[in-house]
Amino acid sequence: MSSIIEAGTAACRLYGPSKTSVADIARLLGKSPASAYKVFPSKSVIWNAITGNFFETDLRFTPSSDGELTSAASALEEAARRTSPDAAGA
């Protein structure tokens, strides 16, 4: 699973996210696109895994005053909750 995510990240950096296909990812691994679908049930699940990995590993905020390292993904989720129309009624 992690090799597919790593290859997907590399393919996005090579070709750009909008032009990267599952075939590109599989090519970097020396496999067929079907091999990616044996691990991930759909293209969207592959993209979610690549994106999640990117947010968790590549985007980091600096440590806060209390020394905690906050991931960009957590900060984005919190910002989305604060600005969500549903949050106003909660």
C-alpha atoms as a PDB file:
ATOM      1  CA  MET A   1       0.000   0.000   0.000  1.00  0.00           C
ATOM      2  CA  SER A   2       2.697   2.514   0.946  1.00  0.00           C
ATOM      3  CA  SER A   3       4.597   1.886  -2.295  1.00  0.00           C
ATOM      4  CA  ILE A   4       1.491   2.875  -4.281  1.00  0.00           C
ATOM      5  CA  ILE A   5       1.115   6.031  -2.201  1.00  0.00           C
ATOM      6  CA  GLU A   6       4.795   6.880  -2.623  1.00  0.00           C
ATOM      7  CA  ALA A   7       4.616   6.243  -6.378  1.00  0.00           C
ATOM      8  CA  GLY A   8       1.458   8.364  -6.567  1.00  0.00           C
ATOM      9  CA  THR A   9       3.202  11.224  -4.802  1.00  0.00           C
ATOM     10  CA  ALA A  10       6.167  10.906  -7.168  1.00  0.00           C
ATOM     11  CA  ALA A  11       3.877  10.810 -10.216  1.00  0.00           C
ATOM     12  CA  CYS A  12       2.064  13.938  -9.026  1.00  0.00           C
ATOM     13  CA  ARG A  13       5.386  15.710  -8.687  1.00  0.00           C
ATOM     14  CA  LEU A  14       6.492  14.546 -12.153  1.00  0.00           C
ATOM     15  CA  TYR A  15       3.305  15.112 -14.136  1.00  0.00           C
ATOM     16  CA  GLY A  16       1.192  17.335 -11.881  1.00  0.00           C
ATOM     17  CA  PRO A  17      -1.818  16.130  -9.901  1.00  0.00           C
ATOM     18  CA  SER A  18      -4.361  16.869 -12.625  1.00  0.00           C
ATOM     19  CA  LYS A  19      -2.438  14.873 -15.244  1.00  0.00           C
ATOM     20  CA  THR A  20      -1.427  11.897 -13.101  1.00  0.00           C
ATOM     21  CA  SER A  21      -3.300   8.682 -13.805  1.00  0.00           C
ATOM     22  CA  VAL A  22      -3.407   5.327 -12.072  1.00  0.00           C
ATOM     23  CA  ALA A  23      -1.501   3.990 -15.102  1.00  0.00           C
ATOM     24  CA  ASP A  24       1.292   6.523 -14.376  1.00  0.00           C
ATOM     25  CA  ILE A  25       1.488   5.349 -10.780  1.00  0.00           C
ATOM     26  CA  ALA A  26       1.568   1.705 -11.820  1.00  0.00           C
ATOM     27  CA  ARG A  27       4.240   2.417 -14.445  1.00  0.00           C
ATOM     28  CA  LEU A  28       6.525   3.879 -11.774  1.00  0.00           C
ATOM     29  CA  LEU A  29       6.093   0.649  -9.835  1.00  0.00           C
ATOM     30  CA  GLY A  30       6.664  -1.526 -12.887  1.00  0.00           C
ATOM     31  CA  LYS A  31       3.171  -3.003 -12.512  1.00  0.00           C
ATOM     32  CA  SER A  32      -0.207  -2.858 -14.193  1.00  0.00           C
ATOM     33  CA  PRO A  33      -2.963  -0.451 -13.123  1.00  0.00           C
ATOM     34  CA  ALA A  34      -4.981  -3.490 -12.037  1.00  0.00           C
ATOM     35  CA  SER A  35      -2.421  -4.131  -9.302  1.00  0.00           C
ATOM     36  CA  ALA A  36      -3.286  -0.783  -7.706  1.00  0.00           C
ATOM     37  CA  TYR A  37      -6.969  -1.702  -7.732  1.00  0.00           C
ATOM     38  CA  LYS A  38      -6.192  -4.938  -5.882  1.00  0.00           C
ATOM     39  CA  VAL A  39      -5.106  -2.770  -2.943  1.00  0.00           C
ATOM     40  CA  PHE A  40      -7.435   0.222  -3.351  1.00  0.00           C
ATOM     41  CA  PRO A  41     -11.068  -0.250  -4.419  1.00  0.00           C
ATOM     42  CA  SER A  42     -11.274   2.890  -6.577  1.00  0.00           C
ATOM     43  CA  LYS A  43      -9.316   5.762  -8.070  1.00  0.00           C
ATOM     44  CA  SER A  44     -10.811   8.184  -5.542  1.00  0.00           C
ATOM     45  CA  VAL A  45      -9.577   6.040  -2.638  1.00  0.00           C
ATOM     46  CA  ILE A  46      -6.077   6.087  -4.151  1.00  0.00           C
ATOM     47  CA  TRP A  47      -6.198   9.896  -4.448  1.00  0.00           C
ATOM     48  CA  ASN A  48      -7.508  10.252  -0.890  1.00  0.00           C
ATOM     49  CA  ALA A  49      -4.602   8.130   0.384  1.00  0.00           C
ATOM     50  CA  ILE A  50      -2.041  10.152  -1.607  1.00  0.00           C
ATOM     51  CA  THR A  51      -3.537  13.445  -0.446  1.00  0.00           C
ATOM     52  CA  GLY A  52      -3.787  12.326   3.162  1.00  0.00           C
ATOM     53  CA  ASN A  53      -0.191  11.167   3.137  1.00  0.00           C
ATOM     54  CA  PHE A  54       0.916  14.467   1.611  1.00  0.00           C
ATOM     55  CA  PHE A  55      -0.858  16.488   4.297  1.00  0.00           C
ATOM     56  CA  GLU A  56       0.452  14.306   7.096  1.00  0.00           C
ATOM     57  CA  THR A  57       4.070  14.051   5.960  1.00  0.00           C
ATOM     58  CA  ASP A  58       4.901  17.003   3.704  1.00  0.00           C
ATOM     59  CA  LEU A  59       2.897  19.849   5.200  1.00  0.00           C
ATOM     60  CA  ARG A  60       3.703  20.681   8.791  1.00  0.00           C
ATOM     61  CA  PHE A  61       3.255  23.784  10.834  1.00  0.00           C
ATOM     62  CA  THR A  62       6.034  24.886  13.138  1.00  0.00           C
ATOM     63  CA  PRO A  63       5.786  23.814  16.760  1.00  0.00           C
ATOM     64  CA  SER A  64       3.416  25.883  18.867  1.00  0.00           C
ATOM     65  CA  SER A  65       4.425  27.610  22.079  1.00  0.00           C
ATOM     66  CA  ASP A  66       3.653  24.426  24.022  1.00  0.00           C
ATOM     67  CA  GLY A  67       5.911  22.400  21.697  1.00  0.00           C
ATOM     68  CA  GLU A  68       3.132  20.519  19.916  1.00  0.00           C
ATOM     69  CA  LEU A  69       3.568  19.984  16.192  1.00  0.00           C
ATOM     70  CA  THR A  70       0.276  20.554  14.422  1.00  0.00           C
ATOM     71  CA  SER A  71      -0.268  18.972  11.037  1.00  0.00           C
ATOM     72  CA  ALA A  72      -1.647  21.077   8.230  1.00  0.00           C
ATOM     73  CA  ALA A  73      -4.430  18.537   7.781  1.00  0.00           C
ATOM     74  CA  SER A  74      -5.580  19.039  11.388  1.00  0.00           C
ATOM     75  CA  ALA A  75      -5.446  22.809  11.026  1.00  0.00           C
ATOM     76  CA  LEU A  76      -7.461  22.662   7.794  1.00  0.00           C
ATOM     77  CA  GLU A  77     -10.051  20.383   9.368  1.00  0.00           C
ATOM     78  CA  GLU A  78     -10.412  22.747  12.321  1.00  0.00           C
ATOM     79  CA  ALA A  79     -10.734  25.779  10.021  1.00  0.00           C
ATOM     80  CA  ALA A  80     -13.382  23.956   7.973  1.00  0.00           C
ATOM     81  CA  ARG A  81     -15.351  23.172  11.143  1.00  0.00           C
ATOM     82  CA  ARG A  82     -15.234  26.817  12.235  1.00  0.00           C
ATOM     83  CA  THR A  83     -16.444  28.101   8.855  1.00  0.00           C
ATOM     84  CA  SER A  84     -18.971  25.372   8.099  1.00  0.00           C
ATOM     85  CA  PRO A  85     -22.610  26.519   7.986  1.00  0.00           C
ATOM     86  CA  ASP A  86     -23.438  23.461  10.116  1.00  0.00           C
ATOM     87  CA  ALA A  87     -21.043  24.661  12.824  1.00  0.00           C
ATOM     88  CA  ALA A  88     -23.065  27.849  13.333  1.00  0.00           C
ATOM     89  CA  GLY A  89     -26.146  25.871  14.353  1.00  0.00           C
ATOM     90  CA  ALA A  90     -24.252  23.475  16.593  1.00  0.00           C
END
